[in-house]
């Protein structure tokens, strides 16, 4: 059976080396991705000095890992995420729709208060 596989690990993990992980993932057929976090342990935690050196908090690193996992799922599903420009255009359209609704609601409210207008 073909299985899509992503493996994420820390380069300072005590249980398994980078080479072992590469060997294991490469032996699995199908789409695969191997992500290593430099300086991270088995729990993908990086020590404070490394966080300072990289300019990342642990929460930021956790979000990066989650994004990598999400991007892998998107890639195997054959879906391409929207571009930055598409997202910006969508946000601008949403802002315009919100403004229009607000204007319409204000106009309706004014008509109720002053039906002669």
PDB file of N, CA and C in Angstrom:
ATOM      1  N   UNK A   1       0.843  -1.193   0.000  1.00  0.00           N
ATOM      2  CA  UNK A   1       0.000   0.000   0.000  1.00  0.00           C
ATOM      3  C   UNK A   1       0.880   1.245   0.000  1.00  0.00           C
ATOM      4  N   UNK A   2       0.402   2.264  -0.686  1.00  0.00           N
ATOM      5  CA  UNK A   2       1.118   3.541  -0.739  1.00  0.00           C
ATOM      6  C   UNK A   2       0.584   4.428   0.376  1.00  0.00           C
ATOM      7  N   UNK A   3       1.489   4.978   1.154  1.00  0.00           N
ATOM      8  CA  UNK A   3       1.108   5.791   2.297  1.00  0.00           C
ATOM      9  C   UNK A   3       1.829   7.127   2.217  1.00  0.00           C
ATOM     10  N   UNK A   4       1.098   8.206   2.443  1.00  0.00           N
ATOM     11  CA  UNK A   4       1.727   9.524   2.528  1.00  0.00           C
ATOM     12  C   UNK A   4       2.241   9.697   3.953  1.00  0.00           C
ATOM     13  N   UNK A   5       3.489  10.129   4.064  1.00  0.00           N
ATOM     14  CA  UNK A   5       4.127  10.173   5.373  1.00  0.00           C
ATOM     15  C   UNK A   5       4.885  11.474   5.572  1.00  0.00           C
ATOM     16  N   UNK A   6       4.661  12.107   6.724  1.00  0.00           N
ATOM     17  CA  UNK A   6       5.515  13.218   7.131  1.00  0.00           C
ATOM     18  C   UNK A   6       6.063  12.856   8.495  1.00  0.00           C
ATOM     19  N   UNK A   7       7.344  13.059   8.653  1.00  0.00           N
ATOM     20  CA  UNK A   7       7.991  12.828   9.934  1.00  0.00           C
ATOM     21  C   UNK A   7       8.687  14.111  10.340  1.00  0.00           C
ATOM     22  N   UNK A   8       8.488  14.501  11.583  1.00  0.00           N
ATOM     23  CA  UNK A   8       9.104  15.721  12.106  1.00  0.00           C
ATOM     24  C   UNK A   8       9.875  15.340  13.357  1.00  0.00           C
ATOM     25  N   UNK A   9      11.109  15.785  13.443  1.00  0.00           N
ATOM     26  CA  UNK A   9      11.923  15.449  14.601  1.00  0.00           C
ATOM     27  C   UNK A   9      12.931  16.521  14.918  1.00  0.00           C
ATOM     28  N   UNK A  10      13.500  16.397  16.081  1.00  0.00           N
ATOM     29  CA  UNK A  10      14.542  17.322  16.498  1.00  0.00           C
ATOM     30  C   UNK A  10      15.912  16.714  16.281  1.00  0.00           C
ATOM     31  N   UNK A  11      16.867  17.549  15.929  1.00  0.00           N
ATOM     32  CA  UNK A  11      18.215  17.033  15.681  1.00  0.00           C
ATOM     33  C   UNK A  11      18.915  16.604  16.966  1.00  0.00           C
ATOM     34  N   UNK A  12      18.400  17.026  18.117  1.00  0.00           N
ATOM     35  CA  UNK A  12      18.998  16.644  19.399  1.00  0.00           C
ATOM     36  C   UNK A  12      18.156  15.592  20.116  1.00  0.00           C
ATOM     37  N   UNK A  13      17.296  14.896  19.384  1.00  0.00           N
ATOM     38  CA  UNK A  13      16.449  13.860  19.986  1.00  0.00           C
ATOM     39  C   UNK A  13      17.310  12.714  20.507  1.00  0.00           C
ATOM     40  N   UNK A  14      16.915  12.185  21.643  1.00  0.00           N
ATOM     41  CA  UNK A  14      17.649  11.067  22.236  1.00  0.00           C
ATOM     42  C   UNK A  14      17.220   9.731  21.638  1.00  0.00           C
ATOM     43  N   UNK A  15      15.989   9.659  21.160  1.00  0.00           N
ATOM     44  CA  UNK A  15      15.440   8.398  20.650  1.00  0.00           C
ATOM     45  C   UNK A  15      15.447   8.412  19.127  1.00  0.00           C
ATOM     46  N   UNK A  16      16.530   8.036  18.549  1.00  0.00           N
ATOM     47  CA  UNK A  16      16.629   7.976  17.093  1.00  0.00           C
ATOM     48  C   UNK A  16      17.422   9.134  16.535  1.00  0.00           C
ATOM     49  N   UNK A  17      18.229   8.821  15.553  1.00  0.00           N
ATOM     50  CA  UNK A  17      19.081   9.836  14.934  1.00  0.00           C
ATOM     51  C   UNK A  17      18.437  10.352  13.653  1.00  0.00           C
ATOM     52  N   UNK A  18      19.002  11.413  13.134  1.00  0.00           N
ATOM     53  CA  UNK A  18      18.552  11.969  11.862  1.00  0.00           C
ATOM     54  C   UNK A  18      18.696  10.910  10.775  1.00  0.00           C
ATOM     55  N   UNK A  19      19.809  10.204  10.779  1.00  0.00           N
ATOM     56  CA  UNK A  19      20.059   9.171   9.768  1.00  0.00           C
ATOM     57  C   UNK A  19      19.021   8.049   9.855  1.00  0.00           C
ATOM     58  N   UNK A  20      18.680   7.633  11.073  1.00  0.00           N
ATOM     59  CA  UNK A  20      17.656   6.588  11.250  1.00  0.00           C
ATOM     60  C   UNK A  20      16.309   7.050  10.698  1.00  0.00           C
ATOM     61  N   UNK A  21      15.951   8.277  10.991  1.00  0.00           N
ATOM     62  CA  UNK A  21      14.677   8.809  10.514  1.00  0.00           C
ATOM     63  C   UNK A  21      14.654   8.892   8.997  1.00  0.00           C
ATOM     64  N   UNK A  22      15.765   9.336   8.413  1.00  0.00           N
ATOM     65  CA  UNK A  22      15.848   9.411   6.948  1.00  0.00           C
ATOM     66  C   UNK A  22      15.694   8.024   6.330  1.00  0.00           C
ATOM     67  N   UNK A  23      16.367   7.044   6.900  1.00  0.00           N
ATOM     68  CA  UNK A  23      16.289   5.668   6.392  1.00  0.00           C
ATOM     69  C   UNK A  23      14.855   5.147   6.478  1.00  0.00           C
ATOM     70  N   UNK A  24      14.212   5.365   7.609  1.00  0.00           N
ATOM     71  CA  UNK A  24      12.844   4.887   7.808  1.00  0.00           C
ATOM     72  C   UNK A  24      11.884   5.547   6.828  1.00  0.00           C
ATOM     73  N   UNK A  25      11.922   6.863   6.740  1.00  0.00           N
ATOM     74  CA  UNK A  25      10.991   7.576   5.863  1.00  0.00           C
ATOM     75  C   UNK A  25      11.239   7.219   4.401  1.00  0.00           C
ATOM     76  N   UNK A  26      12.496   7.096   4.011  1.00  0.00           N
ATOM     77  CA  UNK A  26      12.798   6.745   2.617  1.00  0.00           C
ATOM     78  C   UNK A  26      12.363   5.329   2.251  1.00  0.00           C
ATOM     79  N   UNK A  27      12.169   4.475   3.255  1.00  0.00           N
ATOM     80  CA  UNK A  27      11.734   3.105   2.977  1.00  0.00           C
ATOM     81  C   UNK A  27      10.226   3.005   2.757  1.00  0.00           C
ATOM     82  N   UNK A  28       9.486   4.061   3.079  1.00  0.00           N
ATOM     83  CA  UNK A  28       8.030   4.063   2.926  1.00  0.00           C
ATOM     84  C   UNK A  28       7.674   4.540   1.517  1.00  0.00           C
ATOM     85  N   UNK A  29       6.852   3.759   0.786  1.00  0.00           N
ATOM     86  CA  UNK A  29       6.456   4.206  -0.550  1.00  0.00           C
ATOM     87  C   UNK A  29       5.456   5.358  -0.462  1.00  0.00           C
ATOM     88  N   UNK A  30       5.400   6.163  -1.488  1.00  0.00           N
ATOM     89  CA  UNK A  30       4.424   7.254  -1.542  1.00  0.00           C
ATOM     90  C   UNK A  30       5.039   8.601  -1.241  1.00  0.00           C
ATOM     91  N   UNK A  31       4.151   9.598  -1.151  1.00  0.00           N
ATOM     92  CA  UNK A  31       4.593  10.958  -0.839  1.00  0.00           C
ATOM     93  C   UNK A  31       5.166  10.991   0.567  1.00  0.00           C
ATOM     94  N   UNK A  32       6.264  11.698   0.706  1.00  0.00           N
ATOM     95  CA  UNK A  32       6.876  11.774   2.028  1.00  0.00           C
ATOM     96  C   UNK A  32       7.592  13.098   2.209  1.00  0.00           C
ATOM     97  N   UNK A  33       7.672  13.494   3.454  1.00  0.00           N
ATOM     98  CA  UNK A  33       8.407  14.703   3.811  1.00  0.00           C
ATOM     99  C   UNK A  33       9.032  14.463   5.171  1.00  0.00           C
ATOM    100  N   UNK A  34      10.260  14.902   5.288  1.00  0.00           N
ATOM    101  CA  UNK A  34      11.004  14.753   6.528  1.00  0.00           C
ATOM    102  C   UNK A  34      11.454  16.140   6.959  1.00  0.00           C
ATOM    103  N   UNK A  35      11.065  16.542   8.151  1.00  0.00           N
ATOM    104  CA  UNK A  35      11.389  17.880   8.655  1.00  0.00           C
ATOM    105  C   UNK A  35      12.147  17.724   9.961  1.00  0.00           C
ATOM    106  N   UNK A  36      13.308  18.363  10.034  1.00  0.00           N
ATOM    107  CA  UNK A  36      14.079  18.357  11.266  1.00  0.00           C
ATOM    108  C   UNK A  36      14.177  19.775  11.809  1.00  0.00           C
ATOM    109  N   UNK A  37      14.003  19.883  13.113  1.00  0.00           N
ATOM    110  CA  UNK A  37      14.147  21.168  13.803  1.00  0.00           C
ATOM    111  C   UNK A  37      15.525  21.171  14.441  1.00  0.00           C
ATOM    112  N   UNK A  38      16.385  22.059  13.950  1.00  0.00           N
ATOM    113  CA  UNK A  38      17.765  22.145  14.435  1.00  0.00           C
ATOM    114  C   UNK A  38      17.782  22.494  15.917  1.00  0.00           C
ATOM    115  N   UNK A  39      18.430  21.631  16.702  1.00  0.00           N
ATOM    116  CA  UNK A  39      18.590  21.880  18.134  1.00  0.00           C
ATOM    117  C   UNK A  39      17.421  21.432  18.990  1.00  0.00           C
ATOM    118  N   UNK A  40      16.359  20.884  18.380  1.00  0.00           N
ATOM    119  CA  UNK A  40      15.180  20.476  19.147  1.00  0.00           C
ATOM    120  C   UNK A  40      15.347  19.065  19.698  1.00  0.00           C
ATOM    121  N   UNK A  41      14.648  18.791  20.798  1.00  0.00           N
ATOM    122  CA  UNK A  41      14.704  17.474  21.417  1.00  0.00           C
ATOM    123  C   UNK A  41      13.583  16.575  20.887  1.00  0.00           C
ATOM    124  N   UNK A  42      13.325  15.471  21.586  1.00  0.00           N
ATOM    125  CA  UNK A  42      12.286  14.523  21.164  1.00  0.00           C
ATOM    126  C   UNK A  42      10.896  15.162  21.110  1.00  0.00           C
ATOM    127  N   UNK A  43      10.665  16.174  21.928  1.00  0.00           N
ATOM    128  CA  UNK A  43       9.367  16.853  21.980  1.00  0.00           C
ATOM    129  C   UNK A  43       9.316  18.108  21.115  1.00  0.00           C
ATOM    130  N   UNK A  44      10.323  18.263  20.257  1.00  0.00           N
ATOM    131  CA  UNK A  44      10.454  19.426  19.372  1.00  0.00           C
ATOM    132  C   UNK A  44      10.613  20.728  20.145  1.00  0.00           C
ATOM    133  N   UNK A  45      11.153  20.630  21.353  1.00  0.00           N
ATOM    134  CA  UNK A  45      11.429  21.828  22.154  1.00  0.00           C
ATOM    135  C   UNK A  45      12.879  22.237  21.929  1.00  0.00           C
ATOM    136  N   UNK A  46      13.080  23.541  21.780  1.00  0.00           N
ATOM    137  CA  UNK A  46      14.447  24.035  21.638  1.00  0.00           C
ATOM    138  C   UNK A  46      14.820  24.814  22.894  1.00  0.00           C
ATOM    139  N   UNK A  47      16.072  24.698  23.328  1.00  0.00           N
ATOM    140  CA  UNK A  47      16.493  25.397  24.541  1.00  0.00           C
ATOM    141  C   UNK A  47      16.449  26.916  24.355  1.00  0.00           C
ATOM    142  N   UNK A  48      16.296  27.617  25.456  1.00  0.00           N
ATOM    143  CA  UNK A  48      16.158  29.071  25.433  1.00  0.00           C
ATOM    144  C   UNK A  48      17.300  29.765  24.692  1.00  0.00           C
ATOM    145  N   UNK A  49      18.577  29.397  24.905  1.00  0.00           N
ATOM    146  CA  UNK A  49      19.646  30.078  24.156  1.00  0.00           C
ATOM    147  C   UNK A  49      19.464  29.951  22.633  1.00  0.00           C
ATOM    148  N   UNK A  50      19.003  28.791  22.186  1.00  0.00           N
ATOM    149  CA  UNK A  50      18.771  28.585  20.749  1.00  0.00           C
ATOM    150  C   UNK A  50      17.591  29.428  20.272  1.00  0.00           C
ATOM    151  N   UNK A  51      16.554  29.561  21.125  1.00  0.00           N
ATOM    152  CA  UNK A  51      15.411  30.409  20.777  1.00  0.00           C
ATOM    153  C   UNK A  51      15.865  31.859  20.588  1.00  0.00           C
ATOM    154  N   UNK A  52      16.706  32.320  21.511  1.00  0.00           N
ATOM    155  CA  UNK A  52      17.219  33.691  21.431  1.00  0.00           C
ATOM    156  C   UNK A  52      18.072  33.855  20.171  1.00  0.00           C
ATOM    157  N   UNK A  53      18.918  32.878  19.907  1.00  0.00           N
ATOM    158  CA  UNK A  53      19.790  32.922  18.727  1.00  0.00           C
ATOM    159  C   UNK A  53      18.975  32.998  17.436  1.00  0.00           C
ATOM    160  N   UNK A  54      17.891  32.231  17.377  1.00  0.00           N
ATOM    161  CA  UNK A  54      17.049  32.180  16.168  1.00  0.00           C
ATOM    162  C   UNK A  54      16.003  33.288  16.124  1.00  0.00           C
ATOM    163  N   UNK A  55      15.757  33.919  17.265  1.00  0.00           N
ATOM    164  CA  UNK A  55      14.721  34.944  17.313  1.00  0.00           C
ATOM    165  C   UNK A  55      13.324  34.348  17.273  1.00  0.00           C
ATOM    166  N   UNK A  56      13.180  33.126  17.801  1.00  0.00           N
ATOM    167  CA  UNK A  56      11.892  32.437  17.815  1.00  0.00           C
ATOM    168  C   UNK A  56      11.526  32.039  19.234  1.00  0.00           C
ATOM    169  N   UNK A  57      10.242  32.122  19.549  1.00  0.00           N
ATOM    170  CA  UNK A  57       9.772  31.542  20.803  1.00  0.00           C
ATOM    171  C   UNK A  57       9.354  30.105  20.520  1.00  0.00           C
ATOM    172  N   UNK A  58       9.139  29.338  21.568  1.00  0.00           N
ATOM    173  CA  UNK A  58       8.685  27.960  21.376  1.00  0.00           C
ATOM    174  C   UNK A  58       7.319  27.945  20.686  1.00  0.00           C
ATOM    175  N   UNK A  59       6.465  28.885  21.028  1.00  0.00           N
ATOM    176  CA  UNK A  59       5.140  28.955  20.389  1.00  0.00           C
ATOM    177  C   UNK A  59       5.256  29.225  18.894  1.00  0.00           C
ATOM    178  N   UNK A  60       6.184  30.080  18.523  1.00  0.00           N
ATOM    179  CA  UNK A  60       6.397  30.362  17.100  1.00  0.00           C
ATOM    180  C   UNK A  60       6.877  29.108  16.382  1.00  0.00           C
ATOM    181  N   UNK A  61       7.791  28.386  17.005  1.00  0.00           N
ATOM    182  CA  UNK A  61       8.286  27.141  16.426  1.00  0.00           C
ATOM    183  C   UNK A  61       7.150  26.132  16.283  1.00  0.00           C
ATOM    184  N   UNK A  62       6.324  26.012  17.316  1.00  0.00           N
ATOM    185  CA  UNK A  62       5.185  25.087  17.255  1.00  0.00           C
ATOM    186  C   UNK A  62       4.273  25.437  16.079  1.00  0.00           C
ATOM    187  N   UNK A  63       4.034  26.725  15.854  1.00  0.00           N
ATOM    188  CA  UNK A  63       3.179  27.146  14.745  1.00  0.00           C
ATOM    189  C   UNK A  63       3.828  26.813  13.404  1.00  0.00           C
ATOM    190  N   UNK A  64       5.129  26.966  13.311  1.00  0.00           N
ATOM    191  CA  UNK A  64       5.840  26.612  12.073  1.00  0.00           C
ATOM    192  C   UNK A  64       5.678  25.121  11.785  1.00  0.00           C
ATOM    193  N   UNK A  65       5.817  24.299  12.822  1.00  0.00           N
ATOM    194  CA  UNK A  65       5.661  22.847  12.651  1.00  0.00           C
ATOM    195  C   UNK A  65       4.233  22.535  12.187  1.00  0.00           C
ATOM    196  N   UNK A  66       3.241  23.145  12.821  1.00  0.00           N
ATOM    197  CA  UNK A  66       1.847  22.919  12.414  1.00  0.00           C
ATOM    198  C   UNK A  66       1.611  23.356  10.972  1.00  0.00           C
ATOM    199  N   UNK A  67       2.199  24.483  10.586  1.00  0.00           N
ATOM    200  CA  UNK A  67       2.069  24.949   9.203  1.00  0.00           C
ATOM    201  C   UNK A  67       2.687  23.950   8.232  1.00  0.00           C
ATOM    202  N   UNK A  68       3.844  23.394   8.598  1.00  0.00           N
ATOM    203  CA  UNK A  68       4.491  22.392   7.740  1.00  0.00           C
ATOM    204  C   UNK A  68       3.605  21.165   7.568  1.00  0.00           C
ATOM    205  N   UNK A  69       3.002  20.721   8.653  1.00  0.00           N
ATOM    206  CA  UNK A  69       2.109  19.563   8.586  1.00  0.00           C
ATOM    207  C   UNK A  69       0.902  19.884   7.706  1.00  0.00           C
ATOM    208  N   UNK A  70       0.311  21.063   7.920  1.00  0.00           N
ATOM    209  CA  UNK A  70      -0.826  21.483   7.105  1.00  0.00           C
ATOM    210  C   UNK A  70      -0.470  21.580   5.633  1.00  0.00           C
ATOM    211  N   UNK A  71       0.695  22.140   5.338  1.00  0.00           N
ATOM    212  CA  UNK A  71       1.130  22.256   3.940  1.00  0.00           C
ATOM    213  C   UNK A  71       1.332  20.881   3.313  1.00  0.00           C
ATOM    214  N   UNK A  72       1.807  19.921   4.108  1.00  0.00           N
ATOM    215  CA  UNK A  72       1.972  18.567   3.582  1.00  0.00           C
ATOM    216  C   UNK A  72       0.609  17.963   3.237  1.00  0.00           C
ATOM    217  N   UNK A  73      -0.354  18.111   4.132  1.00  0.00           N
ATOM    218  CA  UNK A  73      -1.706  17.599   3.845  1.00  0.00           C
ATOM    219  C   UNK A  73      -2.280  18.255   2.596  1.00  0.00           C
ATOM    220  N   UNK A  74      -2.081  19.546   2.475  1.00  0.00           N
ATOM    221  CA  UNK A  74      -2.584  20.261   1.296  1.00  0.00           C
ATOM    222  C   UNK A  74      -1.919  19.725   0.033  1.00  0.00           C
ATOM    223  N   UNK A  75      -0.603  19.479   0.099  1.00  0.00           N
ATOM    224  CA  UNK A  75       0.117  19.022  -1.096  1.00  0.00           C
ATOM    225  C   UNK A  75      -0.329  17.628  -1.525  1.00  0.00           C
ATOM    226  N   UNK A  76      -0.605  16.734  -0.577  1.00  0.00           N
ATOM    227  CA  UNK A  76      -1.019  15.387  -0.972  1.00  0.00           C
ATOM    228  C   UNK A  76      -2.486  15.356  -1.401  1.00  0.00           C
ATOM    229  N   UNK A  77      -3.255  16.347  -0.995  1.00  0.00           N
ATOM    230  CA  UNK A  77      -4.662  16.411  -1.404  1.00  0.00           C
ATOM    231  C   UNK A  77      -4.805  17.025  -2.790  1.00  0.00           C
ATOM    232  N   UNK A  78      -3.715  17.590  -3.309  1.00  0.00           N
ATOM    233  CA  UNK A  78      -3.762  18.194  -4.636  1.00  0.00           C
ATOM    234  C   UNK A  78      -4.377  19.581  -4.645  1.00  0.00           C
ATOM    235  N   UNK A  79      -4.486  20.191  -3.496  1.00  0.00           N
ATOM    236  CA  UNK A  79      -5.056  21.529  -3.379  1.00  0.00           C
ATOM    237  C   UNK A  79      -3.917  22.513  -3.225  1.00  0.00           C
ATOM    238  N   UNK A  80      -3.962  23.581  -3.983  1.00  0.00           N
ATOM    239  CA  UNK A  80      -2.927  24.602  -3.786  1.00  0.00           C
ATOM    240  C   UNK A  80      -3.539  25.756  -3.005  1.00  0.00           C
ATOM    241  N   UNK A  81      -2.892  26.140  -1.918  1.00  0.00           N
ATOM    242  CA  UNK A  81      -3.432  27.215  -1.093  1.00  0.00           C
ATOM    243  C   UNK A  81      -3.446  28.534  -1.856  1.00  0.00           C
ATOM    244  N   UNK A  82      -4.328  29.449  -1.462  1.00  0.00           N
ATOM    245  CA  UNK A  82      -4.373  30.738  -2.146  1.00  0.00           C
ATOM    246  C   UNK A  82      -3.068  31.505  -1.969  1.00  0.00           C
ATOM    247  N   UNK A  83      -2.768  32.312  -2.978  1.00  0.00           N
ATOM    248  CA  UNK A  83      -1.569  33.136  -2.900  1.00  0.00           C
ATOM    249  C   UNK A  83      -1.815  34.305  -1.960  1.00  0.00           C
ATOM    250  N   UNK A  84      -0.761  34.965  -1.583  1.00  0.00           N
ATOM    251  CA  UNK A  84      -0.873  36.144  -0.723  1.00  0.00           C
ATOM    252  C   UNK A  84      -1.763  37.200  -1.378  1.00  0.00           C
ATOM    253  N   UNK A  85      -1.598  37.360  -2.698  1.00  0.00           N
ATOM    254  CA  UNK A  85      -2.400  38.349  -3.426  1.00  0.00           C
ATOM    255  C   UNK A  85      -3.885  37.977  -3.406  1.00  0.00           C
ATOM    256  N   UNK A  86      -4.174  36.676  -3.568  1.00  0.00           N
ATOM    257  CA  UNK A  86      -5.566  36.229  -3.527  1.00  0.00           C
ATOM    258  C   UNK A  86      -6.170  36.448  -2.146  1.00  0.00           C
ATOM    259  N   UNK A  87      -5.400  36.179  -1.109  1.00  0.00           N
ATOM    260  CA  UNK A  87      -5.884  36.416   0.253  1.00  0.00           C
ATOM    261  C   UNK A  87      -6.143  37.898   0.499  1.00  0.00           C
ATOM    262  N   UNK A  88      -5.236  38.739   0.010  1.00  0.00           N
ATOM    263  CA  UNK A  88      -5.399  40.180   0.188  1.00  0.00           C
ATOM    264  C   UNK A  88      -6.642  40.665  -0.558  1.00  0.00           C
ATOM    265  N   UNK A  89      -6.851  40.165  -1.779  1.00  0.00           N
ATOM    266  CA  UNK A  89      -8.030  40.545  -2.550  1.00  0.00           C
ATOM    267  C   UNK A  89      -9.303  40.105  -1.830  1.00  0.00           C
ATOM    268  N   UNK A  90      -9.296  38.899  -1.274  1.00  0.00           N
ATOM    269  CA  UNK A  90     -10.455  38.399  -0.538  1.00  0.00           C
ATOM    270  C   UNK A  90     -10.742  39.288   0.672  1.00  0.00           C
ATOM    271  N   UNK A  91      -9.692  39.647   1.416  1.00  0.00           N
ATOM    272  CA  UNK A  91      -9.868  40.511   2.589  1.00  0.00           C
ATOM    273  C   UNK A  91     -10.425  41.870   2.191  1.00  0.00           C
ATOM    274  N   UNK A  92      -9.926  42.421   1.088  1.00  0.00           N
ATOM    275  CA  UNK A  92     -10.435  43.718   0.619  1.00  0.00           C
ATOM    276  C   UNK A  92     -11.909  43.612   0.235  1.00  0.00           C
ATOM    277  N   UNK A  93     -12.292  42.513  -0.404  1.00  0.00           N
ATOM    278  CA  UNK A  93     -13.693  42.304  -0.770  1.00  0.00           C
ATOM    279  C   UNK A  93     -14.560  42.176   0.475  1.00  0.00           C
ATOM    280  N   UNK A  94     -14.054  41.467   1.486  1.00  0.00           N
ATOM    281  CA  UNK A  94     -14.807  41.322   2.731  1.00  0.00           C
ATOM    282  C   UNK A  94     -14.973  42.669   3.427  1.00  0.00           C
ATOM    283  N   UNK A  95     -13.943  43.479   3.432  1.00  0.00           N
ATOM    284  CA  UNK A  95     -14.026  44.815   4.038  1.00  0.00           C
ATOM    285  C   UNK A  95     -15.051  45.658   3.290  1.00  0.00           C
ATOM    286  N   UNK A  96     -15.021  45.603   1.961  1.00  0.00           N
ATOM    287  CA  UNK A  96     -15.978  46.362   1.154  1.00  0.00           C
ATOM    288  C   UNK A  96     -17.407  45.891   1.428  1.00  0.00           C
ATOM    289  N   UNK A  97     -17.621  44.565   1.517  1.00  0.00           N
ATOM    290  CA  UNK A  97     -18.960  44.032   1.813  1.00  0.00           C
ATOM    291  C   UNK A  97     -19.426  44.488   3.188  1.00  0.00           C
ATOM    292  N   UNK A  98     -18.508  44.462   4.156  1.00  0.00           N
ATOM    293  CA  UNK A  98     -18.851  44.892   5.513  1.00  0.00           C
ATOM    294  C   UNK A  98     -19.250  46.371   5.523  1.00  0.00           C
ATOM    295  N   UNK A  99     -18.479  47.190   4.833  1.00  0.00           N
ATOM    296  CA  UNK A  99     -18.803  48.625   4.761  1.00  0.00           C
ATOM    297  C   UNK A  99     -20.164  48.845   4.118  1.00  0.00           C
ATOM    298  N   UNK A 100     -20.427  48.110   3.030  1.00  0.00           N
ATOM    299  CA  UNK A 100     -21.701  48.251   2.329  1.00  0.00           C
ATOM    300  C   UNK A 100     -22.861  47.868   3.248  1.00  0.00           C
ATOM    301  N   UNK A 101     -22.722  46.765   3.983  1.00  0.00           N
ATOM    302  CA  UNK A 101     -23.776  46.347   4.914  1.00  0.00           C
ATOM    303  C   UNK A 101     -23.982  47.400   5.991  1.00  0.00           C
ATOM    304  N   UNK A 102     -22.887  47.976   6.476  1.00  0.00           N
ATOM    305  CA  UNK A 102     -22.982  49.000   7.520  1.00  0.00           C
ATOM    306  C   UNK A 102     -23.693  50.246   6.997  1.00  0.00           C
ATOM    307  N   UNK A 103     -23.361  50.638   5.768  1.00  0.00           N
ATOM    308  CA  UNK A 103     -24.015  51.800   5.157  1.00  0.00           C
ATOM    309  C   UNK A 103     -25.497  51.522   4.964  1.00  0.00           C
ATOM    310  N   UNK A 104     -25.822  50.312   4.460  1.00  0.00           N
ATOM    311  CA  UNK A 104     -27.222  49.950   4.244  1.00  0.00           C
ATOM    312  C   UNK A 104     -27.988  49.915   5.558  1.00  0.00           C
ATOM    313  N   UNK A 105     -27.377  49.390   6.597  1.00  0.00           N
ATOM    314  CA  UNK A 105     -28.026  49.333   7.909  1.00  0.00           C
ATOM    315  C   UNK A 105     -28.247  50.731   8.456  1.00  0.00           C
ATOM    316  N   UNK A 106     -27.272  51.605   8.264  1.00  0.00           N
ATOM    317  CA  UNK A 106     -27.413  52.989   8.727  1.00  0.00           C
ATOM    318  C   UNK A 106     -28.524  53.693   7.955  1.00  0.00           C
ATOM    319  N   UNK A 107     -28.571  53.494   6.648  1.00  0.00           N
ATOM    320  CA  UNK A 107     -29.611  54.113   5.830  1.00  0.00           C
ATOM    321  C   UNK A 107     -30.985  53.612   6.248  1.00  0.00           C
ATOM    322  N   UNK A 108     -31.130  52.322   6.505  1.00  0.00           N
ATOM    323  CA  UNK A 108     -32.396  51.749   6.943  1.00  0.00           C
ATOM    324  C   UNK A 108     -32.797  52.335   8.282  1.00  0.00           C
ATOM    325  N   UNK A 109     -31.857  52.462   9.166  1.00  0.00           N
ATOM    326  CA  UNK A 109     -32.122  53.032  10.480  1.00  0.00           C
ATOM    327  C   UNK A 109     -32.585  54.489  10.372  1.00  0.00           C
ATOM    328  N   UNK A 110     -31.946  55.253   9.484  1.00  0.00           N
ATOM    329  CA  UNK A 110     -32.330  56.659   9.283  1.00  0.00           C
ATOM    330  C   UNK A 110     -33.738  56.728   8.700  1.00  0.00           C
ATOM    331  N   UNK A 111     -34.059  55.844   7.747  1.00  0.00           N
ATOM    332  CA  UNK A 111     -35.406  55.841   7.150  1.00  0.00           C
ATOM    333  C   UNK A 111     -36.467  55.501   8.183  1.00  0.00           C
ATOM    334  N   UNK A 112     -36.131  54.606   9.115  1.00  0.00           N
ATOM    335  CA  UNK A 112     -37.104  54.267  10.169  1.00  0.00           C
ATOM    336  C   UNK A 112     -37.330  55.453  11.093  1.00  0.00           C
ATOM    337  N   UNK A 113     -36.240  56.171  11.400  1.00  0.00           N
ATOM    338  CA  UNK A 113     -36.359  57.312  12.302  1.00  0.00           C
ATOM    339  C   UNK A 113     -37.034  58.497  11.615  1.00  0.00           C
ATOM    340  N   UNK A 114     -36.773  58.671  10.322  1.00  0.00           N
ATOM    341  CA  UNK A 114     -37.317  59.790   9.575  1.00  0.00           C
ATOM    342  C   UNK A 114     -37.978  59.269   8.302  1.00  0.00           C
ATOM    343  N   UNK A 115     -39.179  58.712   8.400  1.00  0.00           N
ATOM    344  CA  UNK A 115     -39.820  58.102   7.252  1.00  0.00           C
ATOM    345  C   UNK A 115     -40.094  59.095   6.113  1.00  0.00           C
ATOM    346  N   UNK A 116     -40.135  60.358   6.391  1.00  0.00           N
ATOM    347  CA  UNK A 116     -40.405  61.352   5.353  1.00  0.00           C
ATOM    348  C   UNK A 116     -39.236  61.539   4.393  1.00  0.00           C
ATOM    349  N   UNK A 117     -38.054  61.029   4.753  1.00  0.00           N
ATOM    350  CA  UNK A 117     -36.879  61.204   3.891  1.00  0.00           C
ATOM    351  C   UNK A 117     -36.917  60.202   2.770  1.00  0.00           C
TER     352      UNK A 117
END
